[in-house]
Protein backbone atom coordinates (compact mmCIF):
# COMPACT_ATOMS: atom_id res chain seq x y z
CA MET A 1 -10.08 4.46 -4.58
CA LYS A 2 -9.25 1.37 -3.26
CA ALA A 3 -5.70 0.08 -2.52
CA LEU A 4 -3.55 -2.50 -2.33
CA VAL A 5 -0.06 -3.01 -1.11
CA ALA A 6 1.00 -5.86 -2.23
CA TYR A 7 5.36 -5.84 -0.89
CA PHE A 8 8.10 -8.39 -0.21
CA SER A 9 10.50 -8.18 2.85
CA HIS A 10 13.15 -10.12 3.92
CA VAL A 11 13.40 -11.09 7.44
CA GLY A 12 16.86 -12.24 9.20
CA GLN A 13 20.32 -11.14 8.31
CA ASN A 14 19.94 -7.89 6.44
CA TRP A 15 22.66 -4.95 5.42
CA VAL A 16 21.59 -2.00 7.54
CA GLY A 17 23.72 1.15 8.29
CA GLY A 18 26.81 0.14 7.07
CA GLY A 19 26.53 -3.68 9.03
CA ILE A 20 24.76 -6.89 8.94
CA VAL A 21 21.68 -7.17 11.50
CA ASN A 22 19.32 -9.36 12.54
CA LEU A 23 15.92 -8.41 11.66
CA VAL A 24 12.36 -9.99 13.42
CA LYS A 25 10.59 -7.72 10.78
CA GLY A 26 11.64 -6.51 7.04
CA ASN A 27 12.40 -3.09 7.05
CA THR A 28 9.54 -2.89 3.54
CA GLU A 29 7.27 -4.76 5.49
CA VAL A 30 7.56 -1.58 7.76
CA VAL A 31 7.35 0.55 5.28
CA ALA A 32 3.99 -1.13 3.72
CA GLU A 33 2.10 -0.98 7.27
CA TYR A 34 2.52 2.60 7.48
CA ILE A 35 1.09 2.51 3.80
CA ARG A 36 -1.90 0.56 4.91
CA ASP A 37 -2.25 2.79 7.87
CA ILE A 38 -2.49 6.40 5.98
CA THR A 39 -4.19 4.75 2.89
CA GLY A 40 -6.40 2.22 4.60
CA ALA A 41 -5.27 -0.52 1.81
CA ASP A 42 -5.20 -3.76 1.82
CA MET A 43 -2.32 -5.89 2.15
CA PHE A 44 -0.27 -8.73 0.42
CA LYS A 45 2.76 -10.27 1.87
CA ILE A 46 5.26 -11.67 -1.34
CA GLU A 47 6.81 -14.90 -0.13
CA SER A 48 8.42 -17.47 -2.31
CA LYS A 49 7.09 -21.22 -1.57
CA ASN A 50 11.45 -21.84 -1.10
CA GLU A 51 12.28 -19.09 1.87
CA TYR A 52 14.94 -17.02 0.86
CA PRO A 53 17.82 -18.27 3.30
CA SER A 54 18.27 -15.99 6.68
CA ASN A 55 21.96 -15.66 6.43
CA TYR A 56 22.85 -12.33 4.41
CA ASP A 57 25.51 -13.89 2.52
CA GLU A 58 23.46 -17.03 1.21
CA CYS A 59 20.62 -15.04 0.84
CA THR A 60 22.70 -12.12 -1.42
CA HIS A 61 24.15 -15.54 -3.49
CA VAL A 62 20.43 -16.67 -4.51
CA ALA A 63 19.27 -13.46 -5.20
CA LYS A 64 21.93 -12.59 -7.64
CA GLU A 65 21.83 -16.24 -9.08
CA GLU A 66 17.35 -15.66 -9.51
CA LYS A 67 18.24 -12.47 -11.38
CA ALA A 68 21.15 -13.86 -13.54
CA LYS A 69 19.07 -16.60 -14.80
CA ASP A 70 15.45 -14.30 -14.57
CA VAL A 71 13.67 -16.80 -12.61
CA ARG A 72 10.43 -16.52 -11.61
CA PRO A 73 9.90 -18.12 -8.04
CA THR A 74 6.70 -19.75 -7.17
CA LEU A 75 4.90 -17.82 -4.43
CA LYS A 76 3.11 -19.63 -1.00
CA LYS A 77 -0.02 -17.90 -1.80
CA LEU A 78 -1.79 -15.29 -4.05
CA PRO A 79 -4.55 -13.00 -3.30
CA ALA A 80 -8.11 -14.39 -3.97
CA GLY A 81 -9.71 -12.78 -7.35
CA ASP A 82 -8.07 -10.92 -10.10
CA LEU A 83 -7.06 -7.51 -8.36
CA SER A 84 -9.81 -5.62 -10.33
CA GLU A 85 -11.66 -4.11 -7.35
CA TYR A 86 -8.49 -2.13 -7.14
CA ASP A 87 -7.23 1.63 -8.06
CA VAL A 88 -3.76 1.57 -6.77
CA ILE A 89 -1.65 -1.08 -6.38
CA PHE A 90 1.49 -0.03 -4.17
CA VAL A 91 4.08 -2.41 -5.01
CA GLY A 92 7.63 -2.93 -2.57
CA GLY A 93 10.76 -4.91 -2.06
CA PRO A 94 14.19 -4.47 -0.98
CA VAL A 95 16.08 -3.37 -3.84
CA TRP A 96 18.37 -6.87 -4.55
CA TRP A 97 21.36 -6.59 -7.32
CA GLY A 98 19.91 -3.65 -8.59
CA THR A 99 16.18 -4.81 -9.07
CA TYR A 100 13.36 -6.29 -6.72
CA PRO A 101 13.73 -9.48 -5.84
CA MET A 102 12.27 -12.04 -8.96
CA ALA A 103 9.60 -12.84 -6.58
CA VAL A 104 7.43 -9.16 -6.36
CA PHE A 105 7.97 -10.06 -11.01
CA THR A 106 6.48 -13.27 -10.05
CA PHE A 107 3.25 -11.76 -8.70
CA LEU A 108 3.39 -8.50 -11.24
CA GLU A 109 3.19 -10.64 -14.01
CA ARG A 110 0.62 -13.20 -12.55
CA TYR A 111 -2.22 -10.49 -12.74
CA ASP A 112 -3.43 -7.76 -15.72
CA LEU A 113 -2.93 -4.74 -14.00
CA ALA A 114 -3.32 -2.69 -17.18
CA GLY A 115 -5.23 1.04 -16.23
CA LYS A 116 -4.47 0.22 -12.69
CA ILE A 117 -2.21 3.21 -10.78
CA ILE A 118 1.12 1.70 -10.06
CA MET A 119 3.18 2.83 -6.91
CA SER A 120 6.90 1.20 -6.37
CA PHE A 121 8.31 1.68 -2.90
CA VAL A 122 11.73 0.27 -1.94
CA THR A 123 13.89 -0.08 1.00
CA HIS A 124 17.92 -0.20 0.44
CA GLU A 125 21.10 0.79 1.95
CA GLY A 126 22.71 2.61 -1.26
CA SER A 127 21.08 1.37 -4.08
CA HIS A 128 18.15 4.22 -4.04
CA LEU A 129 15.46 2.76 -6.69
CA GLY A 130 17.67 0.70 -8.91
CA GLU A 131 16.11 0.04 -12.15
CA CYS A 132 12.91 -1.15 -9.99
CA VAL A 133 11.07 1.84 -11.17
CA ASP A 134 12.10 1.22 -14.75
CA ASP A 135 11.42 -2.57 -14.85
CA VAL A 136 7.40 -1.99 -13.57
CA LYS A 137 7.28 0.27 -16.38
CA GLU A 138 8.34 -1.94 -18.87
CA LEU A 139 6.70 -5.12 -17.52
CA LEU A 140 3.13 -2.79 -17.05
CA LYS A 141 3.56 -0.74 -20.44
CA ASN A 142 -0.27 -0.26 -20.16
CA SER A 143 -0.41 1.05 -16.33
CA ASP A 144 -0.18 4.53 -14.76
CA VAL A 145 3.39 3.85 -12.94
CA LYS A 146 4.02 6.76 -10.51
CA PRO A 147 7.56 7.66 -9.47
CA GLY A 148 8.46 5.20 -6.77
CA LEU A 149 9.97 5.74 -3.67
CA ALA A 150 13.51 4.97 -1.76
CA LEU A 151 13.54 4.65 1.13
CA TYR A 152 17.20 3.41 3.67
CA GLY A 153 16.15 1.08 5.77
CA SER A 154 18.07 2.26 8.66
CA ASN A 155 15.75 4.94 8.33
CA VAL A 156 12.20 3.14 8.02
CA ALA A 157 11.04 3.99 11.05
CA ASP A 158 11.68 7.66 10.67
CA SER A 159 9.56 7.60 7.11
CA ARG A 160 6.02 7.98 8.22
CA THR A 161 6.35 12.12 6.78
CA MET A 162 8.13 11.11 3.14
CA ILE A 163 5.89 8.49 2.80
CA GLU A 164 3.15 11.02 3.39
CA LYS A 165 4.03 13.03 1.01
CA TRP A 166 4.98 10.69 -1.88
CA ILE A 167 1.06 9.33 -1.25
CA LYS A 168 0.03 13.10 -1.77
CA ASP A 169 2.26 14.15 -4.49
CA CYS A 170 1.65 11.34 -6.41
CA LEU A 171 -2.43 10.92 -5.70
CA GLY A 172 -3.34 14.20 -5.04
């Protein structure tokens, strides 16, 4: 089974453990790397052409505005090809205003993912899955969307066992 981990991760100021901290590697990227290491999946980092501000308050303002206007930001790049070689697509990002950052939807809408297994994972500090899995199910009606995995960003360093269990539970 060939897999791709497509993820969005924010560096700079993030809300972690009840306060703002500066991250040089985003929490979602840490989880994406664990998934890659566990499954041997290829990785693709979803990045907006216009980068999100590293300042927490500025970033949340931009994210809220994008969501309110249902914006699909232009991405810096896309994976080569049509993704037909992949059986499983892991889709990850932080929960921003109850769902994935809009750049994740730009990525998902770009490809025909019918028949693919979709595994959503998120990092958060209290939002849990938000509407991420429901939004993916609504968008990808012809895909097999598995139960999602929500991890507290402040706990990602110790999350490998939980990630392994989630993958095993969903894929057997």
